[in-house]
Amino acid sequence: MEEILTKPGVDYYESDAFEVGGHKWRLVLYPDGNKKSNGSGFISLYLQIEETDHLPRTWEVNVNFRFFVLDQIRDKYLTVEEGDGAIKRFYQMKTEWGIAQFLSLAHFSDASKGYLVDDSCTFGVEIFVIKHTGKLECLSMIQQPANNTITFKLDNYSKSYSDYYISDVQTIGDSKWKLIVYPRGKGLWKGYSLSLFLELVEAYQLPPKRKVYAEYKLRVKDRYNSSNTKEFTATYWFTASSYQRGNLYFLSLWELQDTSKGYIVNDSLVVEAVITMVSKVKLFL
């Protein structure tokens, strides 16, 4: 940008629009300082983005830039980075960034510095547009999500010869869950207890290092006396490699099968999982 600065009554100069990184830009210079931004006694220099009407309403352009002024005597540039080179975000409410105190007028007017020669000077800007190629994620926690109880009724308990039984899959939050019941225990507790687990169904589809958080309760209902209902409360981050959580020893078989209690009624067992909080990830491309 090369201009004569001695025109009276001119607050600022604007360069012609130029294109960098697929966007139009304009350099704006205040030869006597931008007084609204404490620029009195300085040259003020700004970079503006232009022609944004065609961009989406939520547009943003991230830029690293630096201004320069030519020392015409030594044929070299003084360069200054706004904010020590920090990336600046241009968006609908912020279409201009710059430096109100770019160069003091006393320094600029000193003939020995070579910036102002024959009442002419050269200013410029070097722009690096940061191309966004990744994804942004927003993690939120949903308390008491809708439809958050999985109820699984195991009929014909006395004839449940399989090692385990699986509930229907249920969507809670943005994730799919199921209950796995081992009516006569699992592992070292097989033959001694009821084992009960909550599983994140689509865990194998999670990206590397993605986790799903859940606060949950597992319970076996006493249908005669609700105060005897057995309940276990826990929190856990479920992952692709750790997608199942529960208890091997949830309830002893002798207590489960005690006919004075209502855990098994008409040869049916009712177990539940209640997810009271679950994480949700929203992707912004």
Protein backbone atom coordinates (compact mmCIF):
# COMPACT_ATOMS: atom_id res chain seq x y z
CA MET A 1 0.00 0.00 0.00
CA GLU A 2 1.76 3.13 -1.18
CA GLU A 3 0.11 6.45 -0.52
CA ILE A 4 0.77 10.18 -0.13
CA LEU A 5 0.00 11.04 3.51
CA THR A 6 -0.26 14.80 3.37
CA LYS A 7 -3.85 15.10 2.15
CA PRO A 8 -5.77 17.31 4.58
CA GLY A 9 -8.92 16.03 6.24
CA VAL A 10 -8.27 12.33 5.58
CA ASP A 11 -8.67 10.16 8.68
CA TYR A 12 -7.70 6.88 7.07
CA TYR A 13 -6.73 5.19 3.82
CA GLU A 14 -8.00 1.85 2.52
CA SER A 15 -6.15 -0.34 0.05
CA ASP A 16 -7.90 -2.03 -2.83
CA ALA A 17 -9.37 -5.43 -1.93
CA PHE A 18 -7.00 -8.34 -2.52
CA GLU A 19 -7.43 -12.10 -2.21
CA VAL A 20 -5.58 -14.44 0.13
CA GLY A 21 -6.66 -17.95 1.10
CA GLY A 22 -9.93 -17.73 -0.79
CA HIS A 23 -11.04 -14.55 1.00
CA LYS A 24 -10.94 -10.85 0.18
CA TRP A 25 -9.01 -8.47 2.44
CA ARG A 26 -8.28 -4.78 2.76
CA LEU A 27 -5.51 -2.91 4.56
CA VAL A 28 -6.62 0.20 6.49
CA LEU A 29 -4.14 2.87 7.64
CA TYR A 30 -4.77 5.82 9.97
CA PRO A 31 -1.89 8.25 9.26
CA ASP A 32 -2.65 10.30 12.38
CA GLY A 33 -3.72 7.38 14.54
CA ASN A 34 -7.06 5.77 15.35
CA LYS A 35 -8.12 8.08 18.15
CA LYS A 36 -11.02 5.82 19.16
CA SER A 37 -8.49 3.13 20.11
CA ASN A 38 -5.89 5.28 21.87
CA GLY A 39 -3.85 5.64 18.70
CA SER A 40 -3.10 9.36 18.93
CA GLY A 41 0.55 10.08 18.14
CA PHE A 42 0.94 6.82 16.22
CA ILE A 43 0.33 5.29 12.82
CA SER A 44 -2.58 2.81 13.20
CA LEU A 45 -2.81 -0.17 10.87
CA TYR A 46 -5.65 -2.71 10.48
CA LEU A 47 -6.57 -5.76 8.42
CA GLN A 48 -10.20 -6.10 7.34
CA ILE A 49 -11.97 -9.06 5.78
CA GLU A 50 -14.27 -8.15 2.90
CA GLU A 51 -17.21 -9.60 0.95
CA THR A 52 -18.49 -11.91 3.68
CA ASP A 53 -22.18 -11.73 2.68
CA HIS A 54 -21.92 -15.00 0.76
CA LEU A 55 -20.47 -16.89 3.74
CA PRO A 56 -22.63 -18.95 6.14
CA ARG A 57 -24.10 -17.07 9.10
CA THR A 58 -21.71 -18.82 11.50
CA TRP A 59 -18.61 -18.26 9.35
CA GLU A 60 -15.17 -17.75 10.85
CA VAL A 61 -11.70 -17.37 9.37
CA ASN A 62 -8.60 -17.92 11.49
CA VAL A 63 -5.56 -15.94 10.42
CA ASN A 64 -1.98 -15.30 11.40
CA PHE A 65 -0.70 -12.05 9.94
CA ARG A 66 2.03 -9.45 10.27
CA PHE A 67 2.26 -5.86 9.09
CA PHE A 68 5.32 -4.25 7.58
CA VAL A 69 6.58 -0.84 6.54
CA LEU A 70 9.41 -0.34 4.04
CA ASP A 71 12.67 1.36 5.01
CA GLN A 72 13.27 2.96 1.60
CA ILE A 73 16.86 3.96 2.41
CA ARG A 74 18.09 0.49 3.36
CA ASP A 75 15.55 -1.41 1.24
CA LYS A 76 14.34 -3.58 4.09
CA TYR A 77 11.13 -3.99 6.03
CA LEU A 78 10.15 -3.41 9.63
CA THR A 79 7.66 -6.16 10.43
CA VAL A 80 5.25 -6.27 13.38
CA GLU A 81 2.97 -9.15 14.36
CA GLU A 82 -0.30 -8.28 16.06
CA GLY A 83 -0.52 -9.95 19.49
CA ASP A 84 2.94 -11.52 19.12
CA GLY A 85 1.77 -13.71 16.27
CA ALA A 86 -1.36 -15.08 17.93
CA ILE A 87 -3.98 -16.51 15.58
CA LYS A 88 -6.86 -14.11 15.14
CA ARG A 89 -10.45 -15.15 14.54
CA PHE A 90 -12.44 -13.13 12.03
CA TYR A 91 -16.20 -13.66 12.22
CA GLN A 92 -19.48 -11.81 11.80
CA MET A 93 -19.02 -9.60 14.84
CA LYS A 94 -15.27 -9.10 14.41
CA THR A 95 -14.22 -8.32 10.84
CA GLU A 96 -11.15 -6.20 11.68
CA TRP A 97 -7.94 -6.73 13.65
CA GLY A 98 -4.98 -4.41 13.90
CA ILE A 99 -2.59 -2.30 15.92
CA ALA A 100 -3.63 1.15 17.09
CA GLN A 101 -0.03 2.04 18.05
CA PHE A 102 1.78 0.44 15.14
CA LEU A 103 4.53 3.09 14.75
CA SER A 104 5.00 6.39 16.56
CA LEU A 105 4.64 9.47 14.33
CA ALA A 106 7.93 10.83 15.66
CA HIS A 107 9.76 7.66 14.65
CA PHE A 108 7.90 7.44 11.34
CA SER A 109 8.69 11.10 10.45
CA ASP A 110 12.40 10.79 11.26
CA ALA A 111 14.01 11.08 7.80
CA SER A 112 16.95 8.92 8.85
CA LYS A 113 14.63 5.92 9.36
CA GLY A 114 13.68 5.84 5.69
CA TYR A 115 9.95 5.19 6.18
CA LEU A 116 8.78 8.54 4.77
CA VAL A 117 10.69 9.65 1.67
CA ASP A 118 9.39 12.44 -0.61
CA ASP A 119 6.13 12.32 1.37
CA SER A 120 5.62 8.74 0.26
CA CYS A 121 5.68 5.44 2.18
CA THR A 122 4.90 1.76 1.68
CA PHE A 123 2.90 -0.37 4.10
CA GLY A 124 1.84 -3.97 3.67
CA VAL A 125 0.58 -7.12 5.34
CA GLU A 126 1.52 -10.78 5.07
CA ILE A 127 -1.43 -13.11 5.71
CA PHE A 128 -1.55 -16.81 6.52
CA VAL A 129 -5.08 -18.25 6.52
CA ILE A 130 -5.41 -21.27 8.80
CA LYS A 131 -7.37 -23.97 7.01
CA HIS A 132 -9.56 -25.95 9.38
CA THR A 133 -9.19 -29.62 8.55
CA GLY A 134 -10.18 -31.31 11.81
CA LYS A 135 -13.29 -31.62 13.92
CA LEU A 136 -14.45 -29.77 16.98
CA GLU A 137 -16.20 -31.64 19.76
CA CYS A 138 -18.57 -30.42 22.43
CA LEU A 139 -18.95 -32.71 25.45
CA SER A 140 -22.03 -32.21 27.60
CA MET A 141 -23.61 -34.15 30.44
CA ILE A 142 -27.31 -35.00 30.33
CA GLN A 143 -28.96 -35.38 33.73
CA GLN A 144 -31.98 -37.65 34.00
CA PRO A 145 -32.13 -38.40 30.26
CA ALA A 146 -35.46 -39.45 28.80
CA ASN A 147 -36.38 -43.13 28.77
CA ASN A 148 -33.46 -43.85 31.07
CA THR A 149 -34.59 -47.13 32.69
CA ILE A 150 -33.91 -50.55 31.20
CA THR A 151 -36.28 -53.13 32.70
CA PHE A 152 -35.53 -56.77 32.00
CA LYS A 153 -37.90 -59.52 33.11
CA LEU A 154 -36.49 -63.01 33.08
CA ASP A 155 -39.37 -65.49 33.00
CA ASN A 156 -39.07 -69.17 33.89
CA TYR A 157 -36.12 -68.51 36.15
CA SER A 158 -36.03 -72.11 37.39
CA LYS A 159 -35.59 -73.24 33.79
CA SER A 160 -32.97 -70.62 32.85
CA TYR A 161 -30.26 -73.01 31.76
CA SER A 162 -28.20 -70.56 29.69
CA ASP A 163 -25.20 -68.94 31.36
CA TYR A 164 -26.52 -65.46 30.62
CA TYR A 165 -29.45 -63.53 29.16
CA ILE A 166 -29.44 -60.16 27.37
CA SER A 167 -32.08 -57.44 27.46
CA ASP A 168 -33.29 -55.52 24.43
CA VAL A 169 -31.10 -52.62 23.38
CA GLN A 170 -32.29 -49.22 24.59
CA THR A 171 -31.14 -45.75 23.55
CA ILE A 172 -30.41 -43.46 26.47
CA GLY A 173 -28.94 -40.07 25.66
CA ASP A 174 -27.11 -40.60 22.37
CA SER A 175 -25.87 -44.09 23.28
CA LYS A 176 -27.27 -47.60 23.13
CA TRP A 177 -27.26 -49.79 26.22
CA LYS A 178 -28.24 -53.27 27.34
CA LEU A 179 -28.33 -55.38 30.48
CA ILE A 180 -26.62 -58.75 30.78
CA VAL A 181 -27.86 -61.09 33.48
CA TYR A 182 -26.06 -64.21 34.69
CA PRO A 183 -28.87 -65.87 36.68
CA ARG A 184 -26.50 -68.22 38.49
CA GLY A 185 -23.37 -66.17 38.51
CA LYS A 186 -20.23 -65.74 36.43
CA GLY A 187 -16.60 -66.68 36.86
CA LEU A 188 -15.54 -67.51 40.41
CA TRP A 189 -19.03 -66.68 41.65
CA LYS A 190 -20.82 -69.06 39.32
CA GLY A 191 -23.21 -71.14 41.41
CA TYR A 192 -23.08 -68.66 44.30
CA SER A 193 -24.58 -65.38 43.15
CA LEU A 194 -26.49 -63.39 40.59
CA SER A 195 -24.13 -61.42 38.30
CA LEU A 196 -25.37 -58.28 36.58
CA PHE A 197 -23.73 -55.95 34.03
CA LEU A 198 -24.49 -52.80 32.02
CA GLU A 199 -22.97 -52.68 28.54
CA LEU A 200 -22.41 -49.86 26.03
CA VAL A 201 -23.56 -51.59 22.85
CA GLU A 202 -21.80 -49.55 20.17
CA ALA A 203 -18.53 -49.20 22.10
CA TYR A 204 -16.61 -50.92 19.30
CA GLN A 205 -17.57 -48.04 16.99
CA LEU A 206 -16.07 -45.35 19.22
CA PRO A 207 -13.08 -43.41 17.82
CA PRO A 208 -9.75 -44.03 19.55
CA LYS A 209 -9.69 -42.55 23.06
CA ARG A 210 -13.40 -41.59 22.92
CA LYS A 211 -15.22 -42.27 26.18
CA VAL A 212 -18.85 -42.29 27.24
CA TYR A 213 -19.58 -41.35 30.84
CA ALA A 214 -22.51 -42.78 32.76
CA GLU A 215 -23.84 -42.54 36.28
CA TYR A 216 -26.08 -45.54 36.77
CA LYS A 217 -27.91 -47.83 39.17
CA LEU A 218 -28.32 -51.59 38.84
CA ARG A 219 -31.08 -53.16 40.89
CA VAL A 220 -33.10 -56.27 41.57
CA LYS A 221 -36.61 -55.48 42.73
CA ASP A 222 -38.27 -57.10 45.71
CA ARG A 223 -41.86 -57.00 44.54
CA TYR A 224 -43.21 -57.80 48.00
CA ASN A 225 -41.21 -55.20 49.95
CA SER A 226 -39.57 -52.36 48.05
CA SER A 227 -37.28 -51.61 50.98
CA ASN A 228 -35.51 -54.91 50.28
CA THR A 229 -34.74 -53.95 46.69
CA LYS A 230 -31.04 -54.50 46.06
CA GLU A 231 -29.37 -51.54 44.36
CA PHE A 232 -25.83 -50.72 43.30
CA THR A 233 -24.83 -47.18 42.24
CA ALA A 234 -21.69 -46.41 40.24
CA THR A 235 -20.06 -44.08 37.72
CA TYR A 236 -17.85 -45.12 34.85
CA TRP A 237 -16.21 -43.97 31.61
CA PHE A 238 -17.06 -46.64 29.03
CA THR A 239 -14.60 -47.17 26.16
CA ALA A 240 -14.06 -49.51 23.20
CA SER A 241 -11.87 -51.73 25.35
CA SER A 242 -13.86 -51.41 28.58
CA TYR A 243 -17.49 -51.44 27.49
CA GLN A 244 -19.11 -53.45 30.29
CA ARG A 245 -19.47 -52.69 33.98
CA GLY A 246 -21.32 -54.33 36.83
CA ASN A 247 -21.08 -56.83 39.68
CA LEU A 248 -20.06 -60.47 39.74
CA TYR A 249 -21.51 -60.77 43.25
CA PHE A 250 -24.67 -58.71 43.04
CA LEU A 251 -26.93 -60.87 45.16
CA SER A 252 -26.34 -64.32 46.67
CA LEU A 253 -28.39 -67.13 45.17
CA TRP A 254 -29.72 -68.25 48.54
CA GLU A 255 -31.11 -64.76 49.18
CA LEU A 256 -32.33 -64.41 45.61
CA GLN A 257 -34.26 -67.66 45.85
CA ASP A 258 -35.60 -67.06 49.37
CA THR A 259 -39.37 -67.53 48.94
CA SER A 260 -40.12 -65.10 51.78
CA LYS A 261 -38.77 -62.31 49.62
CA GLY A 262 -40.09 -60.98 46.36
CA TYR A 263 -37.05 -61.22 44.10
CA ILE A 264 -38.49 -64.16 42.21
CA VAL A 265 -42.29 -64.08 41.85
CA ASN A 266 -44.19 -66.59 39.76
CA ASP A 267 -40.81 -67.87 38.62
CA SER A 268 -39.85 -64.50 37.11
CA LEU A 269 -36.98 -62.17 38.02
CA VAL A 270 -37.00 -58.41 37.33
CA VAL A 271 -33.74 -56.49 37.06
CA GLU A 272 -33.24 -52.86 36.07
CA ALA A 273 -30.57 -50.40 35.04
CA VAL A 274 -31.24 -46.69 35.54
CA ILE A 275 -28.85 -44.21 33.91
CA THR A 276 -29.12 -40.93 35.81
CA MET A 277 -26.45 -39.06 33.86
CA VAL A 278 -24.80 -39.71 30.50
CA SER A 279 -22.30 -37.82 28.36
CA LYS A 280 -23.09 -36.58 24.88
CA VAL A 281 -20.60 -35.54 22.21
CA LYS A 282 -21.58 -33.16 19.43
CA LEU A 283 -19.25 -32.84 16.45
CA PHE A 284 -18.75 -29.59 14.52
CA LEU A 285 -17.20 -30.19 11.11
